[in-house]
C-alpha atoms as a PDB file:
ATOM      1  CA  UNK A   1      50.911  37.721  32.231  1.00  0.00           C
ATOM      2  CA  UNK A   2      48.970  40.877  33.093  1.00  0.00           C
ATOM      3  CA  UNK A   3      46.333  40.605  35.789  1.00  0.00           C
ATOM      4  CA  UNK A   4      42.807  41.341  34.505  1.00  0.00           C
ATOM      5  CA  UNK A   5      39.435  42.015  36.059  1.00  0.00           C
ATOM      6  CA  UNK A   6      36.312  41.017  34.150  1.00  0.00           C
ATOM      7  CA  UNK A   7      33.623  43.669  34.495  1.00  0.00           C
ATOM      8  CA  UNK A   8      30.231  44.009  32.812  1.00  0.00           C
ATOM      9  CA  UNK A   9      29.497  47.752  33.013  1.00  0.00           C
ATOM     10  CA  UNK A  10      25.936  47.263  31.648  1.00  0.00           C
ATOM     11  CA  UNK A  11      24.787  44.685  34.192  1.00  0.00           C
ATOM     12  CA  UNK A  12      21.598  45.651  36.029  1.00  0.00           C
ATOM     13  CA  UNK A  13      20.461  44.130  39.304  1.00  0.00           C
ATOM     14  CA  UNK A  14      17.537  44.695  41.639  1.00  0.00           C
ATOM     15  CA  UNK A  15      17.860  46.779  44.759  1.00  0.00           C
ATOM     16  CA  UNK A  16      18.352  44.698  47.883  1.00  0.00           C
ATOM     17  CA  UNK A  17      15.130  44.315  49.827  1.00  0.00           C
ATOM     18  CA  UNK A  18      12.977  45.528  46.934  1.00  0.00           C
ATOM     19  CA  UNK A  19       9.413  44.231  46.721  1.00  0.00           C
ATOM     20  CA  UNK A  20       9.924  42.133  43.562  1.00  0.00           C
ATOM     21  CA  UNK A  21      12.420  39.497  42.523  1.00  0.00           C
ATOM     22  CA  UNK A  22      12.227  40.966  39.027  1.00  0.00           C
ATOM     23  CA  UNK A  23      11.585  44.635  38.346  1.00  0.00           C
ATOM     24  CA  UNK A  24      10.556  44.136  34.720  1.00  0.00           C
ATOM     25  CA  UNK A  25       6.835  43.830  34.011  1.00  0.00           C
ATOM     26  CA  UNK A  26       3.779  45.417  32.374  1.00  0.00           C
ATOM     27  CA  UNK A  27       0.538  46.834  33.727  1.00  0.00           C
ATOM     28  CA  UNK A  28      -2.434  45.923  31.587  1.00  0.00           C
ATOM     29  CA  UNK A  29      -3.945  48.922  29.843  1.00  0.00           C
ATOM     30  CA  UNK A  30      -1.197  51.415  30.717  1.00  0.00           C
ATOM     31  CA  UNK A  31       0.224  52.538  27.364  1.00  0.00           C
ATOM     32  CA  UNK A  32       3.960  52.956  26.865  1.00  0.00           C
ATOM     33  CA  UNK A  33       5.215  56.543  26.956  1.00  0.00           C
ATOM     34  CA  UNK A  34       5.799  57.624  23.369  1.00  0.00           C
ATOM     35  CA  UNK A  35       5.932  61.296  22.272  1.00  0.00           C
ATOM     36  CA  UNK A  36       4.991  60.291  18.725  1.00  0.00           C
ATOM     37  CA  UNK A  37       1.624  58.817  19.733  1.00  0.00           C
ATOM     38  CA  UNK A  38       0.624  60.578  22.944  1.00  0.00           C
ATOM     39  CA  UNK A  39      -1.574  63.016  21.016  1.00  0.00           C
ATOM     40  CA  UNK A  40      -3.537  60.074  19.598  1.00  0.00           C
ATOM     41  CA  UNK A  41      -5.031  59.369  23.011  1.00  0.00           C
ATOM     42  CA  UNK A  42      -8.734  60.153  22.798  1.00  0.00           C
ATOM     43  CA  UNK A  43     -11.900  59.758  24.836  1.00  0.00           C
ATOM     44  CA  UNK A  44     -15.442  58.560  24.332  1.00  0.00           C
ATOM     45  CA  UNK A  45     -18.499  57.840  26.425  1.00  0.00           C
ATOM     46  CA  UNK A  46     -19.267  54.303  27.551  1.00  0.00           C
ATOM     47  CA  UNK A  47     -22.650  53.255  26.195  1.00  0.00           C
ATOM     48  CA  UNK A  48     -25.521  53.403  28.631  1.00  0.00           C
ATOM     49  CA  UNK A  49     -26.451  49.887  27.527  1.00  0.00           C
ATOM     50  CA  UNK A  50     -23.122  48.388  28.681  1.00  0.00           C
ATOM     51  CA  UNK A  51     -23.855  45.964  31.520  1.00  0.00           C
ATOM     52  CA  UNK A  52     -20.228  45.643  32.676  1.00  0.00           C
ATOM     53  CA  UNK A  53     -17.819  48.355  33.812  1.00  0.00           C
ATOM     54  CA  UNK A  54     -14.823  49.119  31.607  1.00  0.00           C
ATOM     55  CA  UNK A  55     -11.115  49.117  32.462  1.00  0.00           C
ATOM     56  CA  UNK A  56      -7.833  49.451  30.582  1.00  0.00           C
ATOM     57  CA  UNK A  57      -6.692  46.860  28.044  1.00  0.00           C
ATOM     58  CA  UNK A  58     -10.140  45.957  26.677  1.00  0.00           C
ATOM     59  CA  UNK A  59     -11.003  45.669  22.967  1.00  0.00           C
ATOM     60  CA  UNK A  60     -13.573  48.337  22.101  1.00  0.00           C
ATOM     61  CA  UNK A  61     -15.942  49.402  19.334  1.00  0.00           C
ATOM     62  CA  UNK A  62     -16.566  53.053  18.505  1.00  0.00           C
ATOM     63  CA  UNK A  63     -19.938  54.300  17.263  1.00  0.00           C
ATOM     64  CA  UNK A  64     -20.823  57.427  15.288  1.00  0.00           C
ATOM     65  CA  UNK A  65     -22.310  59.889  17.760  1.00  0.00           C
ATOM     66  CA  UNK A  66     -25.874  61.160  17.642  1.00  0.00           C
ATOM     67  CA  UNK A  67     -26.810  64.885  17.657  1.00  0.00           C
ATOM     68  CA  UNK A  68     -26.969  66.419  21.120  1.00  0.00           C
ATOM     69  CA  UNK A  69     -30.353  65.999  22.782  1.00  0.00           C
ATOM     70  CA  UNK A  70     -31.894  65.582  26.207  1.00  0.00           C
ATOM     71  CA  UNK A  71     -30.842  61.931  26.198  1.00  0.00           C
ATOM     72  CA  UNK A  72     -27.467  62.090  24.385  1.00  0.00           C
ATOM     73  CA  UNK A  73     -24.133  63.619  25.356  1.00  0.00           C
ATOM     74  CA  UNK A  74     -22.230  66.450  23.721  1.00  0.00           C
ATOM     75  CA  UNK A  75     -20.046  65.459  20.761  1.00  0.00           C
ATOM     76  CA  UNK A  76     -17.114  67.192  22.464  1.00  0.00           C
ATOM     77  CA  UNK A  77     -17.024  64.299  24.926  1.00  0.00           C
ATOM     78  CA  UNK A  78     -16.343  61.878  22.080  1.00  0.00           C
ATOM     79  CA  UNK A  79     -18.234  59.080  20.371  1.00  0.00           C
ATOM     80  CA  UNK A  80     -20.098  56.251  22.076  1.00  0.00           C
ATOM     81  CA  UNK A  81     -17.876  53.333  23.079  1.00  0.00           C
ATOM     82  CA  UNK A  82     -18.771  49.701  23.766  1.00  0.00           C
ATOM     83  CA  UNK A  83     -17.035  46.353  24.078  1.00  0.00           C
ATOM     84  CA  UNK A  84     -15.976  44.794  20.786  1.00  0.00           C
ATOM     85  CA  UNK A  85     -17.589  41.424  20.089  1.00  0.00           C
ATOM     86  CA  UNK A  86     -15.775  40.353  16.892  1.00  0.00           C
ATOM     87  CA  UNK A  87     -12.905  41.280  14.573  1.00  0.00           C
ATOM     88  CA  UNK A  88     -15.356  43.147  12.346  1.00  0.00           C
ATOM     89  CA  UNK A  89     -16.210  45.734  15.026  1.00  0.00           C
ATOM     90  CA  UNK A  90     -12.886  46.042  16.890  1.00  0.00           C
ATOM     91  CA  UNK A  91     -11.681  49.628  16.456  1.00  0.00           C
ATOM     92  CA  UNK A  92      -9.255  50.160  19.346  1.00  0.00           C
ATOM     93  CA  UNK A  93      -8.241  49.429  22.943  1.00  0.00           C
ATOM     94  CA  UNK A  94      -9.164  51.169  26.179  1.00  0.00           C
ATOM     95  CA  UNK A  95      -6.411  52.439  28.482  1.00  0.00           C
ATOM     96  CA  UNK A  96      -6.034  53.720  32.033  1.00  0.00           C
ATOM     97  CA  UNK A  97      -4.051  56.744  30.802  1.00  0.00           C
ATOM     98  CA  UNK A  98      -5.607  60.055  31.953  1.00  0.00           C
ATOM     99  CA  UNK A  99      -8.691  58.189  33.171  1.00  0.00           C
ATOM    100  CA  UNK A 100      -8.950  60.533  36.137  1.00  0.00           C
ATOM    101  CA  UNK A 101     -12.689  59.967  36.453  1.00  0.00           C
ATOM    102  CA  UNK A 102     -12.390  56.181  36.875  1.00  0.00           C
ATOM    103  CA  UNK A 103     -13.555  54.827  40.223  1.00  0.00           C
ATOM    104  CA  UNK A 104     -11.648  52.537  42.551  1.00  0.00           C
ATOM    105  CA  UNK A 105     -12.457  51.450  46.085  1.00  0.00           C
ATOM    106  CA  UNK A 106     -10.802  49.333  48.796  1.00  0.00           C
ATOM    107  CA  UNK A 107     -12.957  46.413  47.647  1.00  0.00           C
ATOM    108  CA  UNK A 108     -12.315  47.060  43.936  1.00  0.00           C
ATOM    109  CA  UNK A 109      -8.831  48.595  43.542  1.00  0.00           C
ATOM    110  CA  UNK A 110      -8.823  48.548  39.721  1.00  0.00           C
ATOM    111  CA  UNK A 111     -10.054  51.911  38.331  1.00  0.00           C
ATOM    112  CA  UNK A 112     -13.419  51.269  36.618  1.00  0.00           C
ATOM    113  CA  UNK A 113     -15.497  53.337  34.206  1.00  0.00           C
ATOM    114  CA  UNK A 114     -19.261  52.847  34.398  1.00  0.00           C
ATOM    115  CA  UNK A 115     -21.953  53.342  31.753  1.00  0.00           C
ATOM    116  CA  UNK A 116     -22.291  56.972  30.555  1.00  0.00           C
ATOM    117  CA  UNK A 117     -18.838  57.900  31.935  1.00  0.00           C
ATOM    118  CA  UNK A 118     -15.959  59.017  29.708  1.00  0.00           C
ATOM    119  CA  UNK A 119     -13.346  56.458  28.668  1.00  0.00           C
ATOM    120  CA  UNK A 120      -9.766  56.845  27.380  1.00  0.00           C
ATOM    121  CA  UNK A 121      -8.674  54.747  24.401  1.00  0.00           C
ATOM    122  CA  UNK A 122      -6.372  54.481  21.390  1.00  0.00           C
ATOM    123  CA  UNK A 123      -7.673  53.658  17.925  1.00  0.00           C
ATOM    124  CA  UNK A 124      -6.181  50.951  15.711  1.00  0.00           C
ATOM    125  CA  UNK A 125      -3.546  52.533  13.472  1.00  0.00           C
ATOM    126  CA  UNK A 126      -2.495  55.091  16.098  1.00  0.00           C
ATOM    127  CA  UNK A 127       0.876  53.407  16.627  1.00  0.00           C
ATOM    128  CA  UNK A 128       0.314  53.163  20.379  1.00  0.00           C
ATOM    129  CA  UNK A 129       2.042  50.395  22.326  1.00  0.00           C
ATOM    130  CA  UNK A 130      -0.353  48.887  24.850  1.00  0.00           C
ATOM    131  CA  UNK A 131       0.195  45.982  27.281  1.00  0.00           C
ATOM    132  CA  UNK A 132      -2.741  43.558  27.294  1.00  0.00           C
ATOM    133  CA  UNK A 133      -3.470  40.367  29.158  1.00  0.00           C
ATOM    134  CA  UNK A 134      -2.390  37.336  27.118  1.00  0.00           C
ATOM    135  CA  UNK A 135      -2.792  33.590  27.076  1.00  0.00           C
ATOM    136  CA  UNK A 136       0.419  31.847  28.268  1.00  0.00           C
ATOM    137  CA  UNK A 137       0.338  29.831  25.027  1.00  0.00           C
ATOM    138  CA  UNK A 138       1.606  32.903  23.194  1.00  0.00           C
ATOM    139  CA  UNK A 139       5.033  32.501  24.817  1.00  0.00           C
ATOM    140  CA  UNK A 140       5.871  30.328  21.790  1.00  0.00           C
ATOM    141  CA  UNK A 141       5.942  33.509  19.657  1.00  0.00           C
ATOM    142  CA  UNK A 142       9.120  34.698  21.375  1.00  0.00           C
ATOM    143  CA  UNK A 143      12.100  35.184  19.045  1.00  0.00           C
ATOM    144  CA  UNK A 144       9.678  35.139  16.104  1.00  0.00           C
ATOM    145  CA  UNK A 145       9.518  37.847  13.449  1.00  0.00           C
ATOM    146  CA  UNK A 146       7.530  40.991  14.231  1.00  0.00           C
ATOM    147  CA  UNK A 147       5.338  41.222  11.154  1.00  0.00           C
ATOM    148  CA  UNK A 148       1.777  41.145   9.935  1.00  0.00           C
ATOM    149  CA  UNK A 149       2.185  37.441   9.200  1.00  0.00           C
ATOM    150  CA  UNK A 150       2.336  36.601  12.925  1.00  0.00           C
ATOM    151  CA  UNK A 151      -1.380  36.164  13.550  1.00  0.00           C
ATOM    152  CA  UNK A 152      -3.131  36.368  16.910  1.00  0.00           C
ATOM    153  CA  UNK A 153      -6.772  36.449  17.971  1.00  0.00           C
ATOM    154  CA  UNK A 154      -8.702  38.120  20.788  1.00  0.00           C
ATOM    155  CA  UNK A 155     -10.836  36.476  23.452  1.00  0.00           C
ATOM    156  CA  UNK A 156     -13.801  38.866  23.776  1.00  0.00           C
ATOM    157  CA  UNK A 157     -15.017  37.215  26.988  1.00  0.00           C
ATOM    158  CA  UNK A 158     -11.767  37.093  28.993  1.00  0.00           C
ATOM    159  CA  UNK A 159     -10.433  40.209  27.241  1.00  0.00           C
ATOM    160  CA  UNK A 160      -7.050  38.733  26.450  1.00  0.00           C
ATOM    161  CA  UNK A 161      -4.786  38.040  23.498  1.00  0.00           C
ATOM    162  CA  UNK A 162      -4.909  34.366  22.474  1.00  0.00           C
ATOM    163  CA  UNK A 163      -3.311  32.092  19.859  1.00  0.00           C
ATOM    164  CA  UNK A 164      -4.738  32.541  16.372  1.00  0.00           C
ATOM    165  CA  UNK A 165      -7.984  30.763  15.544  1.00  0.00           C
ATOM    166  CA  UNK A 166      -9.676  31.149  12.137  1.00  0.00           C
ATOM    167  CA  UNK A 167     -12.883  33.165  12.304  1.00  0.00           C
ATOM    168  CA  UNK A 168     -16.120  31.241  12.784  1.00  0.00           C
ATOM    169  CA  UNK A 169     -19.779  32.262  12.934  1.00  0.00           C
ATOM    170  CA  UNK A 170     -22.207  31.651  15.780  1.00  0.00           C
ATOM    171  CA  UNK A 171     -23.025  27.954  16.108  1.00  0.00           C
ATOM    172  CA  UNK A 172     -26.499  26.879  17.346  1.00  0.00           C
ATOM    173  CA  UNK A 173     -26.591  24.387  20.232  1.00  0.00           C
ATOM    174  CA  UNK A 174     -29.145  21.587  20.289  1.00  0.00           C
ATOM    175  CA  UNK A 175     -28.076  19.743  23.445  1.00  0.00           C
ATOM    176  CA  UNK A 176     -25.899  19.887  26.586  1.00  0.00           C
ATOM    177  CA  UNK A 177     -24.994  16.986  28.870  1.00  0.00           C
ATOM    178  CA  UNK A 178     -22.877  17.119  32.045  1.00  0.00           C
ATOM    179  CA  UNK A 179     -20.696  14.168  33.116  1.00  0.00           C
ATOM    180  CA  UNK A 180     -18.342  13.663  36.045  1.00  0.00           C
ATOM    181  CA  UNK A 181     -15.508  12.665  33.683  1.00  0.00           C
ATOM    182  CA  UNK A 182     -12.137  14.180  34.664  1.00  0.00           C
ATOM    183  CA  UNK A 183     -13.689  16.260  37.418  1.00  0.00           C
ATOM    184  CA  UNK A 184     -16.628  17.482  35.353  1.00  0.00           C
ATOM    185  CA  UNK A 185     -17.260  18.090  31.660  1.00  0.00           C
ATOM    186  CA  UNK A 186     -20.143  19.249  29.477  1.00  0.00           C
ATOM    187  CA  UNK A 187     -20.719  17.972  25.956  1.00  0.00           C
ATOM    188  CA  UNK A 188     -22.530  20.446  23.713  1.00  0.00           C
ATOM    189  CA  UNK A 189     -24.220  19.152  20.585  1.00  0.00           C
ATOM    190  CA  UNK A 190     -23.791  21.757  17.852  1.00  0.00           C
ATOM    191  CA  UNK A 191     -25.197  22.352  14.398  1.00  0.00           C
ATOM    192  CA  UNK A 192     -22.020  23.312  12.517  1.00  0.00           C
ATOM    193  CA  UNK A 193     -18.650  21.546  12.368  1.00  0.00           C
ATOM    194  CA  UNK A 194     -15.993  23.597  14.190  1.00  0.00           C
ATOM    195  CA  UNK A 195     -13.371  20.850  14.391  1.00  0.00           C
ATOM    196  CA  UNK A 196     -11.219  22.679  11.834  1.00  0.00           C
ATOM    197  CA  UNK A 197     -10.955  25.873  13.901  1.00  0.00           C
ATOM    198  CA  UNK A 198     -11.265  24.795  17.561  1.00  0.00           C
ATOM    199  CA  UNK A 199      -8.952  22.482  19.473  1.00  0.00           C
ATOM    200  CA  UNK A 200      -8.107  21.494  23.041  1.00  0.00           C
ATOM    201  CA  UNK A 201      -7.326  24.672  24.973  1.00  0.00           C
ATOM    202  CA  UNK A 202      -9.519  26.954  22.848  1.00  0.00           C
ATOM    203  CA  UNK A 203     -12.010  29.131  24.703  1.00  0.00           C
ATOM    204  CA  UNK A 204     -15.665  29.366  23.682  1.00  0.00           C
ATOM    205  CA  UNK A 205     -18.490  31.602  24.869  1.00  0.00           C
ATOM    206  CA  UNK A 206     -21.872  29.874  25.290  1.00  0.00           C
ATOM    207  CA  UNK A 207     -25.082  31.935  25.569  1.00  0.00           C
ATOM    208  CA  UNK A 208     -28.826  31.396  25.503  1.00  0.00           C
ATOM    209  CA  UNK A 209     -29.022  27.825  26.847  1.00  0.00           C
ATOM    210  CA  UNK A 210     -32.169  27.139  28.874  1.00  0.00           C
ATOM    211  CA  UNK A 211     -32.070  24.260  31.337  1.00  0.00           C
ATOM    212  CA  UNK A 212     -33.991  22.851  34.266  1.00  0.00           C
ATOM    213  CA  UNK A 213     -32.173  23.120  37.588  1.00  0.00           C
ATOM    214  CA  UNK A 214     -30.369  20.022  38.809  1.00  0.00           C
ATOM    215  CA  UNK A 215     -28.899  18.898  42.084  1.00  0.00           C
ATOM    216  CA  UNK A 216     -25.698  20.787  41.461  1.00  0.00           C
ATOM    217  CA  UNK A 217     -26.868  24.061  40.005  1.00  0.00           C
ATOM    218  CA  UNK A 218     -29.553  26.497  38.886  1.00  0.00           C
ATOM    219  CA  UNK A 219     -30.934  27.517  35.512  1.00  0.00           C
ATOM    220  CA  UNK A 220     -28.551  29.244  33.114  1.00  0.00           C
ATOM    221  CA  UNK A 221     -25.465  27.396  34.329  1.00  0.00           C
ATOM    222  CA  UNK A 222     -24.669  25.992  30.885  1.00  0.00           C
ATOM    223  CA  UNK A 223     -23.927  29.537  29.697  1.00  0.00           C
ATOM    224  CA  UNK A 224     -20.537  31.129  30.115  1.00  0.00           C
ATOM    225  CA  UNK A 225     -16.908  30.997  29.110  1.00  0.00           C
ATOM    226  CA  UNK A 226     -15.427  27.480  28.867  1.00  0.00           C
ATOM    227  CA  UNK A 227     -12.141  25.792  27.934  1.00  0.00           C
ATOM    228  CA  UNK A 228     -12.428  23.208  25.150  1.00  0.00           C
ATOM    229  CA  UNK A 229     -11.327  19.631  25.860  1.00  0.00           C
ATOM    230  CA  UNK A 230     -12.111  18.096  22.462  1.00  0.00           C
ATOM    231  CA  UNK A 231     -14.098  18.776  19.289  1.00  0.00           C
ATOM    232  CA  UNK A 232     -15.851  16.568  16.723  1.00  0.00           C
ATOM    233  CA  UNK A 233     -18.028  17.450  13.751  1.00  0.00           C
ATOM    234  CA  UNK A 234     -21.144  17.557  15.955  1.00  0.00           C
ATOM    235  CA  UNK A 235     -19.931  18.053  19.554  1.00  0.00           C
ATOM    236  CA  UNK A 236     -17.755  20.318  21.674  1.00  0.00           C
ATOM    237  CA  UNK A 237     -16.587  18.998  25.064  1.00  0.00           C
ATOM    238  CA  UNK A 238     -15.582  21.597  27.652  1.00  0.00           C
ATOM    239  CA  UNK A 239     -14.326  21.588  31.235  1.00  0.00           C
ATOM    240  CA  UNK A 240     -17.135  22.129  33.756  1.00  0.00           C
ATOM    241  CA  UNK A 241     -16.171  21.156  37.323  1.00  0.00           C
ATOM    242  CA  UNK A 242     -19.243  20.406  39.428  1.00  0.00           C
ATOM    243  CA  UNK A 243     -20.037  18.137  42.360  1.00  0.00           C
ATOM    244  CA  UNK A 244     -23.330  17.063  40.782  1.00  0.00           C
ATOM    245  CA  UNK A 245     -25.289  17.541  37.571  1.00  0.00           C
ATOM    246  CA  UNK A 246     -26.109  21.243  37.029  1.00  0.00           C
ATOM    247  CA  UNK A 247     -29.391  20.312  35.366  1.00  0.00           C
ATOM    248  CA  UNK A 248     -31.006  19.053  32.187  1.00  0.00           C
ATOM    249  CA  UNK A 249     -30.832  20.824  28.840  1.00  0.00           C
ATOM    250  CA  UNK A 250     -34.183  22.246  27.799  1.00  0.00           C
ATOM    251  CA  UNK A 251     -33.733  24.388  24.675  1.00  0.00           C
ATOM    252  CA  UNK A 252     -31.823  27.089  22.840  1.00  0.00           C
ATOM    253  CA  UNK A 253     -28.264  28.294  23.036  1.00  0.00           C
ATOM    254  CA  UNK A 254     -25.333  28.945  20.753  1.00  0.00           C
ATOM    255  CA  UNK A 255     -21.562  29.141  20.680  1.00  0.00           C
ATOM    256  CA  UNK A 256     -20.794  32.817  20.067  1.00  0.00           C
ATOM    257  CA  UNK A 257     -18.881  33.808  16.947  1.00  0.00           C
ATOM    258  CA  UNK A 258     -15.140  34.146  17.504  1.00  0.00           C
ATOM    259  CA  UNK A 259     -11.661  33.753  16.110  1.00  0.00           C
ATOM    260  CA  UNK A 260     -10.094  35.780  13.327  1.00  0.00           C
ATOM    261  CA  UNK A 261      -6.826  37.714  13.215  1.00  0.00           C
ATOM    262  CA  UNK A 262      -6.793  41.159  14.841  1.00  0.00           C
ATOM    263  CA  UNK A 263      -4.780  44.019  13.333  1.00  0.00           C
ATOM    264  CA  UNK A 264      -1.959  44.279  15.872  1.00  0.00           C
ATOM    265  CA  UNK A 265       1.721  43.389  16.026  1.00  0.00           C
ATOM    266  CA  UNK A 266       3.113  41.569  19.057  1.00  0.00           C
ATOM    267  CA  UNK A 267       6.292  43.326  20.190  1.00  0.00           C
ATOM    268  CA  UNK A 268       7.153  41.300  23.274  1.00  0.00           C
ATOM    269  CA  UNK A 269       5.622  38.868  25.740  1.00  0.00           C
ATOM    270  CA  UNK A 270       6.225  38.788  29.490  1.00  0.00           C
ATOM    271  CA  UNK A 271       5.423  35.371  30.953  1.00  0.00           C
ATOM    272  CA  UNK A 272       5.183  36.506  34.587  1.00  0.00           C
ATOM    273  CA  UNK A 273       5.438  39.547  36.856  1.00  0.00           C
ATOM    274  CA  UNK A 274       2.745  41.542  35.040  1.00  0.00           C
ATOM    275  CA  UNK A 275      -0.337  43.164  36.566  1.00  0.00           C
ATOM    276  CA  UNK A 276      -3.604  42.190  34.874  1.00  0.00           C
ATOM    277  CA  UNK A 277      -7.264  42.689  35.739  1.00  0.00           C
ATOM    278  CA  UNK A 278      -9.553  40.047  37.246  1.00  0.00           C
ATOM    279  CA  UNK A 279     -13.242  40.976  37.192  1.00  0.00           C
ATOM    280  CA  UNK A 280     -15.671  39.009  39.359  1.00  0.00           C
ATOM    281  CA  UNK A 281     -18.656  39.001  36.996  1.00  0.00           C
ATOM    282  CA  UNK A 282     -21.946  38.342  38.817  1.00  0.00           C
ATOM    283  CA  UNK A 283     -23.694  37.736  35.469  1.00  0.00           C
ATOM    284  CA  UNK A 284     -21.413  34.777  34.693  1.00  0.00           C
ATOM    285  CA  UNK A 285     -20.960  33.478  38.232  1.00  0.00           C
ATOM    286  CA  UNK A 286     -23.611  33.643  40.965  1.00  0.00           C
ATOM    287  CA  UNK A 287     -20.796  34.142  43.485  1.00  0.00           C
ATOM    288  CA  UNK A 288     -19.439  37.158  41.583  1.00  0.00           C
ATOM    289  CA  UNK A 289     -19.365  40.420  43.528  1.00  0.00           C
ATOM    290  CA  UNK A 290     -18.799  42.912  40.689  1.00  0.00           C
ATOM    291  CA  UNK A 291     -15.346  43.906  41.956  1.00  0.00           C
ATOM    292  CA  UNK A 292     -12.158  44.131  39.886  1.00  0.00           C
ATOM    293  CA  UNK A 293      -8.809  43.158  41.405  1.00  0.00           C
ATOM    294  CA  UNK A 294      -5.197  42.981  40.263  1.00  0.00           C
ATOM    295  CA  UNK A 295      -3.395  39.745  39.469  1.00  0.00           C
ATOM    296  CA  UNK A 296       0.181  40.832  40.168  1.00  0.00           C
ATOM    297  CA  UNK A 297       1.966  37.874  38.587  1.00  0.00           C
ATOM    298  CA  UNK A 298       0.337  37.198  35.228  1.00  0.00           C
ATOM    299  CA  UNK A 299       1.250  37.049  31.532  1.00  0.00           C
ATOM    300  CA  UNK A 300       1.000  40.107  29.310  1.00  0.00           C
ATOM    301  CA  UNK A 301       1.877  41.030  25.737  1.00  0.00           C
ATOM    302  CA  UNK A 302       2.961  44.416  24.447  1.00  0.00           C
ATOM    303  CA  UNK A 303       1.076  45.076  21.189  1.00  0.00           C
ATOM    304  CA  UNK A 304       1.502  47.769  18.554  1.00  0.00           C
ATOM    305  CA  UNK A 305      -1.911  48.900  17.330  1.00  0.00           C
END
């Protein structure tokens, strides 16, 4: 019998003492190097009406530019760009690539583009491969076929890829009641039946609710981005942790339109070890400071647009 030595010449390991257990991971909004698509990178100008800064890996809408005037920018800088709010107006994704004008500070280390500043992005159909933040529920797509039949949706509030939900229109709210159940929940009474498209774990965006301040909160606290607990034909129950009632519903409000399949293909999903953006939004949370930080161990998906 001849002595043998089993060797795997393709095995790759991490360098001893390196800063990560795994070296494989994505950075949200940093497009993959690809000579075939690099010339598709373009720029635009973030709308002056945008109330939030922009960063890489955000769904955007592009608007036909106006003629140059004292209040508009030169067309050479690109078209006006804003955040997409639905499948119908999603035209591309922002990226950090060549965003040399973006601002970062010790308090806000993520490069941010403010209103009226130029923004780098790729249009849908460019063939660019862009890592985006994704819901961990998408891990179930692994080993599946890469095709147009694998549907996914976009969460326009959290700016992340989420499991597919059929498109639905804005749904008027006629009531909101907080309860201490399971650490805090709010039951919204709605006009239209969304039980066929929403389920436990879905994310909804609530706007326009007017309430009187309660012991546990101020006015406007029933608005925001919430995780669904359950849905019936007339109600949507969401998680809302609070030590006391945030107040009494007064009037108004709606569940923003959402869902629908976006025109991308999911190439791969990384469950951990990815860098994604966390923005502390003062408009949604009174404690928000307006800074953007990195989550260095999050989920991300590589999409072909």
